[in-house]
Structures are given as structure tokens and as C-alpha cells.
N, C-alpha and C. Protein backbone atom coordinates (compact mmCIF):
# COMPACT_ATOMS: atom_id res chain seq x y z
N MET A 1 -56.23 13.31 28.32
CA MET A 1 -55.43 12.16 27.54
C MET A 1 -55.28 12.74 26.21
N ASN A 2 -55.73 13.46 26.03
CA ASN A 2 -54.98 13.90 24.57
C ASN A 2 -53.23 14.44 24.54
N ARG A 3 -53.48 14.99 26.09
CA ARG A 3 -51.75 15.57 26.23
C ARG A 3 -50.95 14.30 26.07
N ILE A 4 -51.39 13.26 27.08
CA ILE A 4 -50.46 12.14 27.09
C ILE A 4 -50.07 11.53 25.67
N ARG A 5 -51.31 11.45 25.14
CA ARG A 5 -51.32 10.96 23.54
C ARG A 5 -49.98 11.74 22.76
N LEU A 6 -49.89 12.85 22.87
CA LEU A 6 -49.26 13.89 22.69
C LEU A 6 -47.86 13.74 22.89
N TRP A 7 -47.58 13.60 23.95
CA TRP A 7 -46.28 13.29 24.69
C TRP A 7 -45.88 11.52 24.06
N ILE A 8 -47.03 10.57 24.38
CA ILE A 8 -46.42 9.32 23.30
C ILE A 8 -46.19 9.72 22.11
N ILE A 9 -46.56 10.25 21.28
CA ILE A 9 -46.34 10.85 19.80
C ILE A 9 -44.98 11.54 19.48
N ALA A 10 -44.62 12.36 20.42
CA ALA A 10 -43.61 13.14 20.44
C ALA A 10 -42.47 12.44 21.13
N ALA A 11 -42.45 11.23 21.71
CA ALA A 11 -41.24 10.61 22.18
C ALA A 11 -41.09 9.86 21.47
N LEU A 12 -41.97 8.71 20.26
CA LEU A 12 -41.66 7.93 19.70
C LEU A 12 -40.75 8.81 18.39
N ALA A 13 -41.52 10.14 17.99
CA ALA A 13 -40.82 10.62 17.00
C ALA A 13 -39.95 11.10 17.40
N ALA A 14 -39.35 11.33 18.68
CA ALA A 14 -37.75 12.11 18.92
C ALA A 14 -36.90 10.42 18.87
N ALA A 15 -37.18 9.10 19.32
CA ALA A 15 -36.60 7.75 19.07
C ALA A 15 -36.49 7.85 17.76
N LEU A 16 -37.33 7.73 17.19
CA LEU A 16 -36.99 7.60 15.96
C LEU A 16 -35.88 8.36 14.84
N THR A 17 -36.14 9.63 15.25
CA THR A 17 -35.33 10.73 14.76
C THR A 17 -33.75 10.59 15.10
N LEU A 18 -33.82 9.78 16.33
CA LEU A 18 -32.41 9.52 17.07
C LEU A 18 -31.66 8.42 16.44
N SER A 19 -32.59 6.82 16.41
CA SER A 19 -32.35 6.07 15.46
C SER A 19 -31.76 6.17 14.40
N ILE A 20 -32.89 7.02 13.43
CA ILE A 20 -32.32 6.94 12.13
C ILE A 20 -30.53 8.03 12.11
N ILE A 21 -30.51 9.20 13.35
CA ILE A 21 -28.87 9.66 13.16
C ILE A 21 -28.31 8.65 13.70
N GLY A 22 -28.18 7.68 14.42
CA GLY A 22 -27.36 7.09 14.49
C GLY A 22 -26.85 5.75 13.47
N VAL A 23 -28.09 5.33 12.85
CA VAL A 23 -27.76 4.30 12.19
C VAL A 23 -26.85 5.32 10.47
N ALA A 24 -27.20 6.68 10.23
CA ALA A 24 -26.65 7.08 9.26
C ALA A 24 -25.14 7.44 9.80
N SER A 25 -24.71 8.14 11.10
CA SER A 25 -23.52 8.28 11.34
C SER A 25 -22.50 6.72 11.37
N ALA A 26 -23.40 5.84 11.55
CA ALA A 26 -22.27 4.28 11.98
C ALA A 26 -22.27 4.02 10.15
N GLN A 27 -22.22 4.72 9.30
CA GLN A 27 -22.34 4.39 8.03
C GLN A 27 -20.73 4.31 7.72
N PRO A 28 -19.97 3.54 7.24
CA PRO A 28 -18.12 3.29 6.91
C PRO A 28 -18.40 4.11 5.83
N THR A 29 -17.20 5.30 5.87
CA THR A 29 -16.43 6.22 4.68
C THR A 29 -16.45 5.47 3.41
N PRO A 30 -17.01 5.79 2.14
CA PRO A 30 -17.31 5.00 0.92
C PRO A 30 -15.73 5.08 0.53
N PRO A 31 -15.42 4.28 -0.57
CA PRO A 31 -13.77 4.16 -0.86
C PRO A 31 -13.78 5.21 -1.46
N SER A 32 -12.01 5.87 -2.02
CA SER A 32 -12.03 6.81 -3.03
C SER A 32 -11.84 6.22 -3.73
N LEU A 33 -11.93 6.65 -5.14
CA LEU A 33 -12.09 6.25 -6.41
C LEU A 33 -11.31 6.65 -7.73
N PHE A 34 -10.29 6.26 -7.96
CA PHE A 34 -9.28 6.68 -8.73
C PHE A 34 -9.45 5.81 -10.09
N THR A 35 -9.08 6.78 -11.21
CA THR A 35 -9.16 6.47 -12.26
C THR A 35 -8.23 7.28 -13.11
N GLY A 36 -7.31 7.01 -15.05
CA GLY A 36 -6.61 7.86 -15.29
C GLY A 36 -5.63 7.24 -16.37
N ASN A 37 -5.21 7.25 -17.24
CA ASN A 37 -4.21 6.78 -17.85
C ASN A 37 -3.19 5.95 -17.64
N VAL A 38 -2.52 5.01 -17.97
CA VAL A 38 -1.26 4.18 -17.67
C VAL A 38 -0.46 4.14 -18.81
N THR A 39 0.74 4.77 -18.56
CA THR A 39 1.68 4.57 -19.59
C THR A 39 3.11 3.76 -19.31
N ASN A 40 3.59 3.85 -20.20
CA ASN A 40 5.25 2.79 -19.76
C ASN A 40 6.03 4.29 -19.66
N ALA A 41 7.30 4.07 -18.93
CA ALA A 41 8.44 5.12 -18.55
C ALA A 41 8.79 5.98 -20.09
N ASP A 42 8.38 5.19 -21.10
CA ASP A 42 9.28 6.25 -22.06
C ASP A 42 7.29 6.54 -23.31
N GLY A 43 6.60 6.59 -22.29
CA GLY A 43 5.73 7.74 -22.68
C GLY A 43 4.61 6.28 -23.54
N SER A 44 4.85 5.45 -23.75
CA SER A 44 3.97 4.51 -24.37
C SER A 44 2.88 4.09 -24.07
N ALA A 45 1.55 3.53 -24.18
CA ALA A 45 0.50 3.04 -23.36
C ALA A 45 1.03 1.63 -22.83
N ALA A 46 0.51 1.52 -21.74
CA ALA A 46 0.59 -0.04 -21.30
C ALA A 46 -0.16 -1.05 -21.72
N ALA A 47 0.06 -2.05 -21.29
CA ALA A 47 -0.61 -3.30 -21.73
C ALA A 47 -2.03 -3.07 -20.57
N ALA A 48 -2.80 -3.95 -22.30
CA ALA A 48 -4.35 -3.95 -21.19
C ALA A 48 -4.29 -5.23 -20.46
N GLY A 49 -4.98 -5.60 -19.35
CA GLY A 49 -5.32 -6.47 -18.72
C GLY A 49 -4.41 -6.46 -17.85
N LEU A 50 -3.67 -5.61 -17.27
CA LEU A 50 -2.49 -6.14 -15.95
C LEU A 50 -3.37 -5.27 -14.72
N SER A 51 -2.91 -6.39 -13.66
CA SER A 51 -3.60 -6.41 -12.52
C SER A 51 -3.35 -4.58 -11.90
N VAL A 52 -4.32 -4.05 -11.18
CA VAL A 52 -4.36 -2.76 -10.87
C VAL A 52 -4.32 -2.47 -9.00
N GLU A 53 -3.21 -2.22 -8.35
CA GLU A 53 -3.27 -2.74 -7.02
C GLU A 53 -3.13 -1.11 -6.03
N ALA A 54 -3.56 -1.00 -5.45
CA ALA A 54 -3.34 0.33 -4.29
C ALA A 54 -3.02 0.01 -3.13
N TYR A 55 -2.15 0.57 -2.69
CA TYR A 55 -1.40 0.65 -1.34
C TYR A 55 -1.33 1.51 -0.50
N VAL A 56 -1.35 1.29 0.96
CA VAL A 56 -1.18 2.41 1.97
C VAL A 56 0.24 1.54 2.58
N GLY A 57 1.23 2.25 2.83
CA GLY A 57 2.10 1.58 3.35
C GLY A 57 2.24 -0.03 2.52
N ASP A 58 2.15 -0.77 3.23
CA ASP A 58 2.18 -2.24 3.05
C ASP A 58 0.96 -2.97 3.01
N THR A 59 -0.06 -1.98 3.09
CA THR A 59 -1.60 -2.79 3.11
C THR A 59 -2.05 -2.69 1.60
N ASN A 60 -2.35 -3.92 1.14
CA ASN A 60 -3.33 -3.70 -0.14
C ASN A 60 -4.60 -3.00 0.32
N CYS A 61 -5.08 -2.44 -0.33
CA CYS A 61 -6.56 -1.62 0.11
C CYS A 61 -6.85 -1.39 -1.14
N THR A 62 -6.70 -2.21 -2.53
CA THR A 62 -7.69 -2.51 -3.47
C THR A 62 -8.99 -3.12 -2.61
N GLN A 63 -9.88 -2.45 -3.03
CA GLN A 63 -11.64 -2.52 -2.85
C GLN A 63 -11.75 -4.08 -3.69
N SER A 64 -11.30 -4.57 -4.60
CA SER A 64 -11.80 -5.26 -5.75
C SER A 64 -11.24 -5.70 -6.44
N PRO A 65 -10.80 -6.81 -7.01
CA PRO A 65 -9.68 -6.87 -8.50
C PRO A 65 -10.17 -6.16 -9.74
N ALA A 66 -8.88 -5.12 -9.97
CA ALA A 66 -9.04 -4.57 -11.39
C ALA A 66 -8.07 -4.51 -12.18
N VAL A 67 -8.58 -4.10 -13.32
CA VAL A 67 -7.48 -4.62 -14.63
C VAL A 67 -7.28 -3.43 -15.30
N THR A 68 -6.10 -3.02 -15.95
CA THR A 68 -5.82 -1.82 -17.36
C THR A 68 -6.75 -2.45 -18.52
N THR A 69 -7.52 -1.73 -18.82
CA THR A 69 -8.00 -1.39 -20.22
C THR A 69 -7.57 -1.19 -21.64
N THR A 70 -7.80 -1.23 -22.58
CA THR A 70 -7.52 -0.16 -23.75
C THR A 70 -8.70 0.50 -24.68
N GLU A 71 -8.92 1.57 -24.57
CA GLU A 71 -9.99 2.32 -25.00
C GLU A 71 -9.04 3.70 -26.21
N ASN A 72 -9.55 3.46 -27.24
CA ASN A 72 -8.97 4.66 -28.48
C ASN A 72 -7.43 4.87 -28.17
N GLY A 73 -6.67 3.39 -28.19
CA GLY A 73 -5.56 3.80 -28.40
C GLY A 73 -4.56 3.95 -26.99
N ALA A 74 -5.30 4.04 -25.81
CA ALA A 74 -5.30 4.81 -24.49
C ALA A 74 -5.01 3.65 -23.66
N THR A 75 -4.23 2.86 -22.49
CA THR A 75 -4.73 2.39 -21.50
C THR A 75 -5.24 3.36 -20.29
N LYS A 76 -6.03 2.48 -19.62
CA LYS A 76 -6.60 3.17 -18.53
C LYS A 76 -7.08 2.32 -17.64
N TYR A 77 -7.38 2.83 -16.08
CA TYR A 77 -7.36 1.81 -15.59
C TYR A 77 -8.72 2.64 -14.41
N PHE A 78 -9.64 1.58 -13.67
CA PHE A 78 -9.87 2.41 -12.68
C PHE A 78 -10.04 1.55 -11.46
N VAL A 79 -9.90 1.64 -9.92
CA VAL A 79 -9.70 1.21 -9.03
C VAL A 79 -10.72 2.39 -7.76
N ALA A 80 -10.83 1.19 -6.96
CA ALA A 80 -11.77 1.68 -5.82
C ALA A 80 -10.75 1.47 -4.64
N VAL A 81 -10.47 2.74 -3.52
CA VAL A 81 -9.73 2.00 -2.67
C VAL A 81 -10.08 2.05 -1.35
N GLU A 82 -10.16 1.25 -0.60
CA GLU A 82 -10.57 1.37 0.67
C GLU A 82 -9.84 2.32 1.75
N ASN A 83 -10.53 2.73 3.05
CA ASN A 83 -10.32 3.36 3.74
C ASN A 83 -10.04 2.64 5.09
N SER A 84 -9.63 3.48 6.30
CA SER A 84 -9.45 2.79 7.39
C SER A 84 -11.11 2.53 8.14
N SER A 85 -11.59 2.76 7.57
CA SER A 85 -13.56 2.18 8.80
C SER A 85 -13.61 1.31 8.08
N THR A 86 -13.28 0.62 6.70
CA THR A 86 -13.58 -0.52 5.98
C THR A 86 -12.37 -1.50 5.70
N LYS A 87 -11.34 -1.15 6.02
CA LYS A 87 -10.43 -2.29 6.24
C LYS A 87 -8.89 -1.39 7.24
N ALA A 88 -8.31 -1.85 8.09
CA ALA A 88 -7.34 -1.92 8.86
C ALA A 88 -5.80 -1.10 8.22
N GLY A 89 -5.44 -0.02 8.50
CA GLY A 89 -4.26 -0.14 7.86
C GLY A 89 -4.42 0.64 6.47
N CYS A 90 -5.81 0.99 6.20
CA CYS A 90 -6.00 1.62 4.83
C CYS A 90 -5.84 3.36 5.01
N GLY A 91 -5.79 3.81 6.47
CA GLY A 91 -5.80 5.17 6.57
C GLY A 91 -6.79 5.99 6.51
N GLY A 92 -6.77 7.53 6.17
CA GLY A 92 -7.61 8.31 5.73
C GLY A 92 -7.43 9.30 4.77
N SER A 93 -7.97 10.10 4.61
CA SER A 93 -7.53 11.79 3.70
C SER A 93 -6.44 11.62 3.47
N ASP A 94 -5.25 11.57 4.58
CA ASP A 94 -4.45 12.38 4.30
C ASP A 94 -3.09 11.37 4.13
N SER A 95 -3.58 10.00 4.07
CA SER A 95 -2.34 9.10 3.30
C SER A 95 -1.87 8.92 2.53
N VAL A 96 -0.92 8.19 1.90
CA VAL A 96 -0.40 8.52 0.46
C VAL A 96 -0.96 6.93 0.19
N VAL A 97 -1.37 7.14 -1.34
CA VAL A 97 -1.62 6.05 -2.13
C VAL A 97 -0.50 5.78 -2.84
N ASN A 98 0.15 4.38 -2.79
CA ASN A 98 1.10 3.94 -3.75
C ASN A 98 0.19 3.06 -4.61
N PHE A 99 0.53 2.88 -6.13
CA PHE A 99 -0.48 1.74 -6.93
C PHE A 99 0.67 1.24 -7.66
N ARG A 100 0.23 0.01 -8.05
CA ARG A 100 1.07 -1.08 -8.28
C ARG A 100 0.24 -1.53 -9.69
N VAL A 101 1.30 -1.66 -11.23
CA VAL A 101 0.16 -2.16 -12.17
C VAL A 101 1.05 -3.65 -12.80
N GLY A 102 0.49 -4.78 -12.87
CA GLY A 102 1.29 -5.43 -13.41
C GLY A 102 2.31 -5.94 -12.31
N GLY A 103 2.44 -5.73 -11.03
CA GLY A 103 3.70 -5.91 -9.83
C GLY A 103 4.06 -4.93 -9.83
N GLN A 104 4.21 -3.96 -10.93
CA GLN A 104 5.26 -2.99 -11.14
C GLN A 104 4.66 -1.58 -10.59
N GLY A 105 5.69 -1.01 -9.86
CA GLY A 105 5.57 0.59 -8.85
C GLY A 105 4.92 1.71 -10.26
N THR A 106 4.44 2.28 -9.76
CA THR A 106 4.22 3.57 -10.67
C THR A 106 4.48 4.86 -10.22
N THR A 107 4.47 5.95 -10.51
CA THR A 107 4.66 7.09 -10.46
C THR A 107 3.34 7.87 -10.85
N PRO A 108 2.79 9.06 -10.09
CA PRO A 108 3.40 9.48 -8.92
C PRO A 108 2.46 8.30 -7.58
N ALA A 109 2.49 9.14 -6.68
CA ALA A 109 1.80 8.43 -5.28
C ALA A 109 0.71 9.43 -5.23
N ASN A 110 -0.43 9.01 -4.37
CA ASN A 110 -1.01 10.51 -4.16
C ASN A 110 -1.86 10.57 -2.85
N ASN A 111 -1.83 11.60 -2.16
CA ASN A 111 -2.86 11.49 -0.70
C ASN A 111 -3.74 12.33 -1.44
N ASP A 112 -4.20 12.80 -2.03
CA ASP A 112 -5.53 13.35 -2.57
C ASP A 112 -7.15 12.25 -2.45
N ARG A 113 -7.25 12.18 -1.26
CA ARG A 113 -8.33 11.00 -1.09
C ARG A 113 -9.49 11.34 -1.16
N GLY A 114 -10.82 10.61 -1.05
CA GLY A 114 -12.19 11.06 -0.84
C GLY A 114 -12.57 11.29 -2.01
N GLY A 115 -13.77 10.48 -2.73
CA GLY A 115 -14.57 10.70 -3.62
C GLY A 115 -13.59 10.86 -5.01
N PHE A 116 -14.04 10.94 -6.19
CA PHE A 116 -13.76 10.43 -7.68
C PHE A 116 -12.23 11.63 -7.61
N VAL A 117 -11.64 10.91 -7.98
CA VAL A 117 -9.97 11.55 -8.41
C VAL A 117 -8.89 11.01 -9.77
N ARG A 118 -8.81 11.93 -10.84
CA ARG A 118 -8.87 11.22 -11.71
C ARG A 118 -6.78 11.65 -12.07
N LEU A 119 -6.31 10.50 -11.53
CA LEU A 119 -4.69 10.40 -11.60
C LEU A 119 -3.90 9.48 -13.14
N ASN A 120 -3.14 10.25 -13.79
CA ASN A 120 -2.74 9.41 -14.66
C ASN A 120 -1.37 8.44 -13.89
N LEU A 121 -1.37 7.25 -14.45
CA LEU A 121 -0.04 6.70 -13.94
C LEU A 121 1.40 6.48 -15.03
N THR A 122 2.34 6.10 -14.44
CA THR A 122 3.48 5.80 -15.25
C THR A 122 4.04 5.14 -14.79
N LEU A 123 4.56 3.68 -15.34
CA LEU A 123 5.17 2.52 -14.99
C LEU A 123 6.47 2.87 -14.35
N ALA A 124 6.98 2.34 -13.21
CA ALA A 124 8.23 2.93 -13.15
C ALA A 124 9.26 2.19 -14.04
N ASP A 125 10.19 3.00 -14.11
CA ASP A 125 11.67 2.09 -15.35
C ASP A 125 11.86 0.81 -14.79
N ASP A 126 11.56 0.28 -15.44
CA ASP A 126 12.44 -1.72 -14.63
C ASP A 126 13.93 -1.93 -15.34
N SER A 127 14.58 -1.09 -15.80
CA SER A 127 15.91 -1.00 -15.36
C SER A 127 16.93 -0.93 -14.24
N ALA A 128 15.87 -0.47 -13.37
CA ALA A 128 16.50 -0.57 -12.00
C ALA A 128 15.22 -1.56 -11.03
N VAL A 129 15.93 -1.97 -9.60
CA VAL A 129 15.13 -2.76 -9.05
C VAL A 129 15.68 -2.36 -7.63
N THR A 130 14.71 -2.13 -6.28
CA THR A 130 15.26 -2.49 -5.22
C THR A 130 15.02 -3.28 -4.26
N ILE A 131 15.91 -3.81 -3.75
CA ILE A 131 16.26 -4.43 -3.07
C ILE A 131 16.74 -4.36 -1.79
N TYR A 132 16.27 -5.03 -0.35
CA TYR A 132 16.74 -4.66 0.75
C TYR A 132 17.83 -5.40 1.19
N VAL A 133 18.78 -5.08 2.22
CA VAL A 133 20.06 -6.02 2.40
C VAL A 133 20.35 -5.57 3.68
N SER A 134 21.02 -7.08 4.50
CA SER A 134 21.27 -6.81 6.07
C SER A 134 22.90 -7.54 5.97
N VAL A 135 23.90 -7.11 6.76
CA VAL A 135 24.44 -7.55 7.20
C VAL A 135 24.69 -8.26 8.67
N TRP A 136 24.98 -9.43 8.67
CA TRP A 136 24.62 -10.24 10.25
C TRP A 136 26.35 -10.51 10.46
N ARG A 137 26.76 -10.40 11.58
CA ARG A 137 28.09 -10.63 12.43
C ARG A 137 28.02 -11.27 13.41
N LEU A 138 28.69 -12.65 13.58
CA LEU A 138 28.48 -13.63 14.94
C LEU A 138 29.39 -12.87 15.87
N GLN A 139 28.99 -12.34 17.45
CA GLN A 139 29.87 -11.62 17.88
C GLN A 139 31.43 -12.54 18.58
N ALA A 140 30.79 -13.96 18.23
CA ALA A 140 32.05 -14.67 18.79
C ALA A 140 32.98 -14.87 18.06
N ASP A 141 33.05 -14.74 16.76
CA ASP A 141 33.85 -14.83 16.23
C ASP A 141 33.74 -13.80 14.79
N PRO A 142 34.03 -12.38 15.29
CA PRO A 142 33.72 -11.29 14.48
C PRO A 142 34.34 -11.28 12.90
N THR A 143 34.81 -12.44 12.58
CA THR A 143 35.74 -12.33 11.39
C THR A 143 34.34 -12.63 10.40
N ARG A 144 33.50 -13.31 11.00
CA ARG A 144 32.10 -14.25 10.12
C ARG A 144 31.14 -12.97 9.55
N LEU A 145 31.42 -13.10 8.96
CA LEU A 145 30.08 -11.29 8.56
C LEU A 145 29.01 -12.48 7.26
N PHE A 146 27.99 -12.27 7.20
CA PHE A 146 26.90 -12.63 6.19
C PHE A 146 26.40 -11.86 5.58
N ILE A 147 25.58 -11.88 4.63
CA ILE A 147 24.64 -11.48 3.76
C ILE A 147 23.23 -11.66 3.83
N SER A 148 22.19 -10.82 4.06
CA SER A 148 20.83 -11.08 3.69
C SER A 148 20.41 -10.32 2.58
N THR A 149 19.50 -10.93 1.84
CA THR A 149 18.98 -9.81 0.85
C THR A 149 17.42 -10.39 0.95
N ASN A 150 16.89 -9.22 0.36
CA ASN A 150 15.32 -9.32 0.57
C ASN A 150 14.67 -8.64 -0.66
N PRO A 151 14.05 -9.11 -1.73
CA PRO A 151 13.91 -8.71 -3.31
C PRO A 151 12.32 -7.57 -2.77
N THR A 152 11.83 -8.19 -1.84
CA THR A 152 10.11 -7.49 -1.56
C THR A 152 9.91 -6.36 -0.45
N GLY A 153 10.74 -6.55 0.06
CA GLY A 153 10.41 -6.18 2.07
C GLY A 153 9.51 -6.82 2.39
N ASP A 154 9.31 -7.69 2.14
CA ASP A 154 8.40 -8.70 3.10
C ASP A 154 9.30 -8.90 4.21
N PRO A 155 8.86 -9.40 5.28
CA PRO A 155 9.58 -9.45 6.69
C PRO A 155 10.29 -11.24 6.61
N SER A 156 9.26 -11.57 6.16
CA SER A 156 9.54 -13.62 5.71
C SER A 156 10.20 -13.48 4.67
N ASP A 157 10.72 -12.48 3.77
CA ASP A 157 11.12 -12.79 2.84
C ASP A 157 12.42 -12.66 2.79
N TRP A 158 13.64 -12.80 3.29
CA TRP A 158 15.11 -12.72 3.53
C TRP A 158 16.04 -13.73 3.44
N THR A 159 16.57 -13.90 2.56
CA THR A 159 17.35 -15.09 1.99
C THR A 159 19.00 -14.50 2.93
N THR A 160 19.56 -15.34 3.22
CA THR A 160 20.93 -15.37 3.59
C THR A 160 21.65 -16.33 2.48
N HIS A 161 22.61 -15.49 2.31
CA HIS A 161 23.53 -16.13 1.09
C HIS A 161 25.33 -16.65 1.77
N SER A 162 25.18 -17.78 1.22
CA SER A 162 26.56 -18.44 2.27
C SER A 162 27.67 -18.07 2.36
N GLY A 163 28.22 -17.39 1.09
CA GLY A 163 29.44 -16.65 1.31
C GLY A 163 29.82 -15.79 2.55
N GLN A 164 30.53 -16.09 3.07
CA GLN A 164 30.98 -15.27 4.20
C GLN A 164 32.03 -13.98 3.72
N LEU A 165 31.87 -12.80 4.47
CA LEU A 165 33.06 -11.70 4.54
C LEU A 165 33.73 -11.45 5.61
N VAL A 166 34.52 -11.08 5.19
CA VAL A 166 35.66 -11.04 6.81
C VAL A 166 35.41 -9.72 7.49
N MET A 167 35.49 -9.66 8.64
CA MET A 167 34.89 -8.05 9.38
C MET A 167 35.72 -8.17 10.45
N THR A 168 36.59 -7.20 10.61
CA THR A 168 38.07 -7.41 12.03
C THR A 168 37.40 -6.41 13.17
N GLU A 169 36.64 -5.90 13.45
CA GLU A 169 36.00 -5.12 14.76
C GLU A 169 34.32 -5.91 15.14
N TYR A 170 34.60 -6.10 16.41
CA TYR A 170 33.16 -6.69 17.37
C TYR A 170 32.85 -5.94 18.18
N ILE A 171 31.89 -6.50 18.77
CA ILE A 171 31.10 -5.78 19.98
C ILE A 171 30.59 -6.33 20.70
N GLY A 172 30.66 -6.86 22.16
CA GLY A 172 30.19 -8.00 22.70
C GLY A 172 30.78 -9.50 22.42
N ARG A 173 30.11 -10.38 23.05
CA ARG A 173 30.44 -11.94 23.03
C ARG A 173 29.07 -12.67 22.62
N ASN A 174 29.20 -13.58 21.93
CA ASN A 174 28.28 -14.98 21.49
C ASN A 174 26.80 -14.41 21.05
N ARG A 175 26.91 -13.42 20.16
CA ARG A 175 25.89 -13.01 19.53
C ARG A 175 26.34 -12.53 18.19
N TRP A 176 25.00 -12.20 17.38
CA TRP A 176 25.01 -11.67 16.42
C TRP A 176 24.24 -10.14 16.31
N ASP A 177 25.45 -9.61 15.43
CA ASP A 177 24.68 -8.30 15.26
C ASP A 177 24.14 -8.15 13.65
N ARG A 178 22.87 -7.26 13.48
CA ARG A 178 22.71 -7.36 12.13
C ARG A 178 22.56 -5.71 12.11
N SER A 179 23.00 -5.36 10.86
CA SER A 179 22.46 -4.06 9.90
C SER A 179 21.03 -3.59 9.95
N ASP A 180 20.49 -2.27 10.32
CA ASP A 180 19.02 -2.07 9.78
C ASP A 180 19.19 -2.28 8.12
N PRO A 181 18.33 -2.76 7.69
CA PRO A 181 17.78 -2.85 6.36
C PRO A 181 17.55 -1.91 5.73
N LYS A 182 18.36 -1.96 4.52
CA LYS A 182 18.74 -0.61 3.54
C LYS A 182 18.61 -0.95 2.01
N PRO A 183 17.42 -0.11 1.47
CA PRO A 183 17.03 -0.29 0.15
C PRO A 183 18.19 0.17 -0.48
N VAL A 184 18.91 -0.66 -1.52
CA VAL A 184 19.30 -0.88 -2.57
C VAL A 184 19.56 -0.86 -3.64
N GLU A 185 19.45 0.24 -5.04
CA GLU A 185 19.30 0.37 -6.42
C GLU A 185 20.33 -0.23 -6.81
N VAL A 186 19.54 -1.36 -7.75
CA VAL A 186 20.48 -2.18 -8.72
C VAL A 186 20.15 -1.89 -10.08
N GLU A 187 21.02 -1.38 -10.63
CA GLU A 187 21.04 -1.34 -12.03
C GLU A 187 21.08 -2.59 -12.71
N LEU A 188 19.79 -3.14 -14.01
CA LEU A 188 19.82 -4.02 -14.37
C LEU A 188 20.58 -3.76 -15.90
N GLU A 189 20.98 -4.60 -16.07
CA GLU A 189 21.51 -4.75 -17.72
C GLU A 189 21.04 -5.35 -18.94
């Protein structure tokens, strides 16, 4: 009888151990935590109260809303960045994280994920902007050429401009050709 009791206790202990291991291994990877100073392109402290967002590709991976704060004359940020175990598209430890502060791009990007990462950010120089441009041509009338622009890179944000450009060569009939979108940096004055 004691042998049976020992086997039952051993089986229960093994089952409990395996269930604890299963629960522990099913836990999602915690977010990466980024912190540091934020400066303008000229080196001055950025404004306080600006939103801070972390992107992997086009996916916003910011775990919860974050804003810049000012402390001892320096503008600081703290943001938790999700990963692929908690949000699709947020990648893993080798994925590059790009930051936007107040909707503006920053440098540098970072792929040092996991744990606590100290990274100072500099707001991108706002004297230039990147837009995407596509050229469309109607194959049935190859002299009709239109330009579409997209300031955000969002596939649903294209604007086709009404002015036509003349084009003298074509391929095929009764179809539109479109160029691949190309980023274009435009200097602002």
C-alpha cells in the first residue's frame, strides 16, 4: 500500500512540475524599455509633452502612450516597445526600431532589443521632407501621363494630381502603367 501511495505522490509531483514548466514557458517576452534624452537637430533640448512612438517597419509597437518630459533642462523620454510575442509585426531581438517624437522622425534607429536600452534621440532636420512619387501612363494614349504623390508612405494616402505630362513611348494597349514608388527628399525654404 505504501508503494502505491509513493507512486501516486510521485505522479502528482511530476504532473505539477510539468504544468509549472508549461505555464512558465508560455509567458510572452516582456517589452524592450528605451530611455534617453531628446534633442533638436541643432542640439537644443526638444519640447516637453511630445508624443513618443516606436516603429518596426510600418507597425507602431509602442506598448502604451508616452510623452517627453523635461528634467534639469534636458528633455527625456521613456517608452516600452512590444515584440512579436505580444503584437504581430513588432519583430524580435534583431528588428530595427525607429522612433518618432511629435510625429517627426529621429536618429538613430536601434536594433539592440531586450531589457533596458539607453538611447539618446535627435529629431530629424525639418528643412527637408520625404514624399513618395508614382508616375501613371495610360497605354491606350501614351501621351497621357499623371503623377501621384504620397506624403506618408501609407498605401491609402495617394493623391493623383490633375495636370498631365506628355510621354512619347508606351508598352501594350488600353492599360495603365505605373512606376514603383520612389522616395524623394524635398528641401523646404
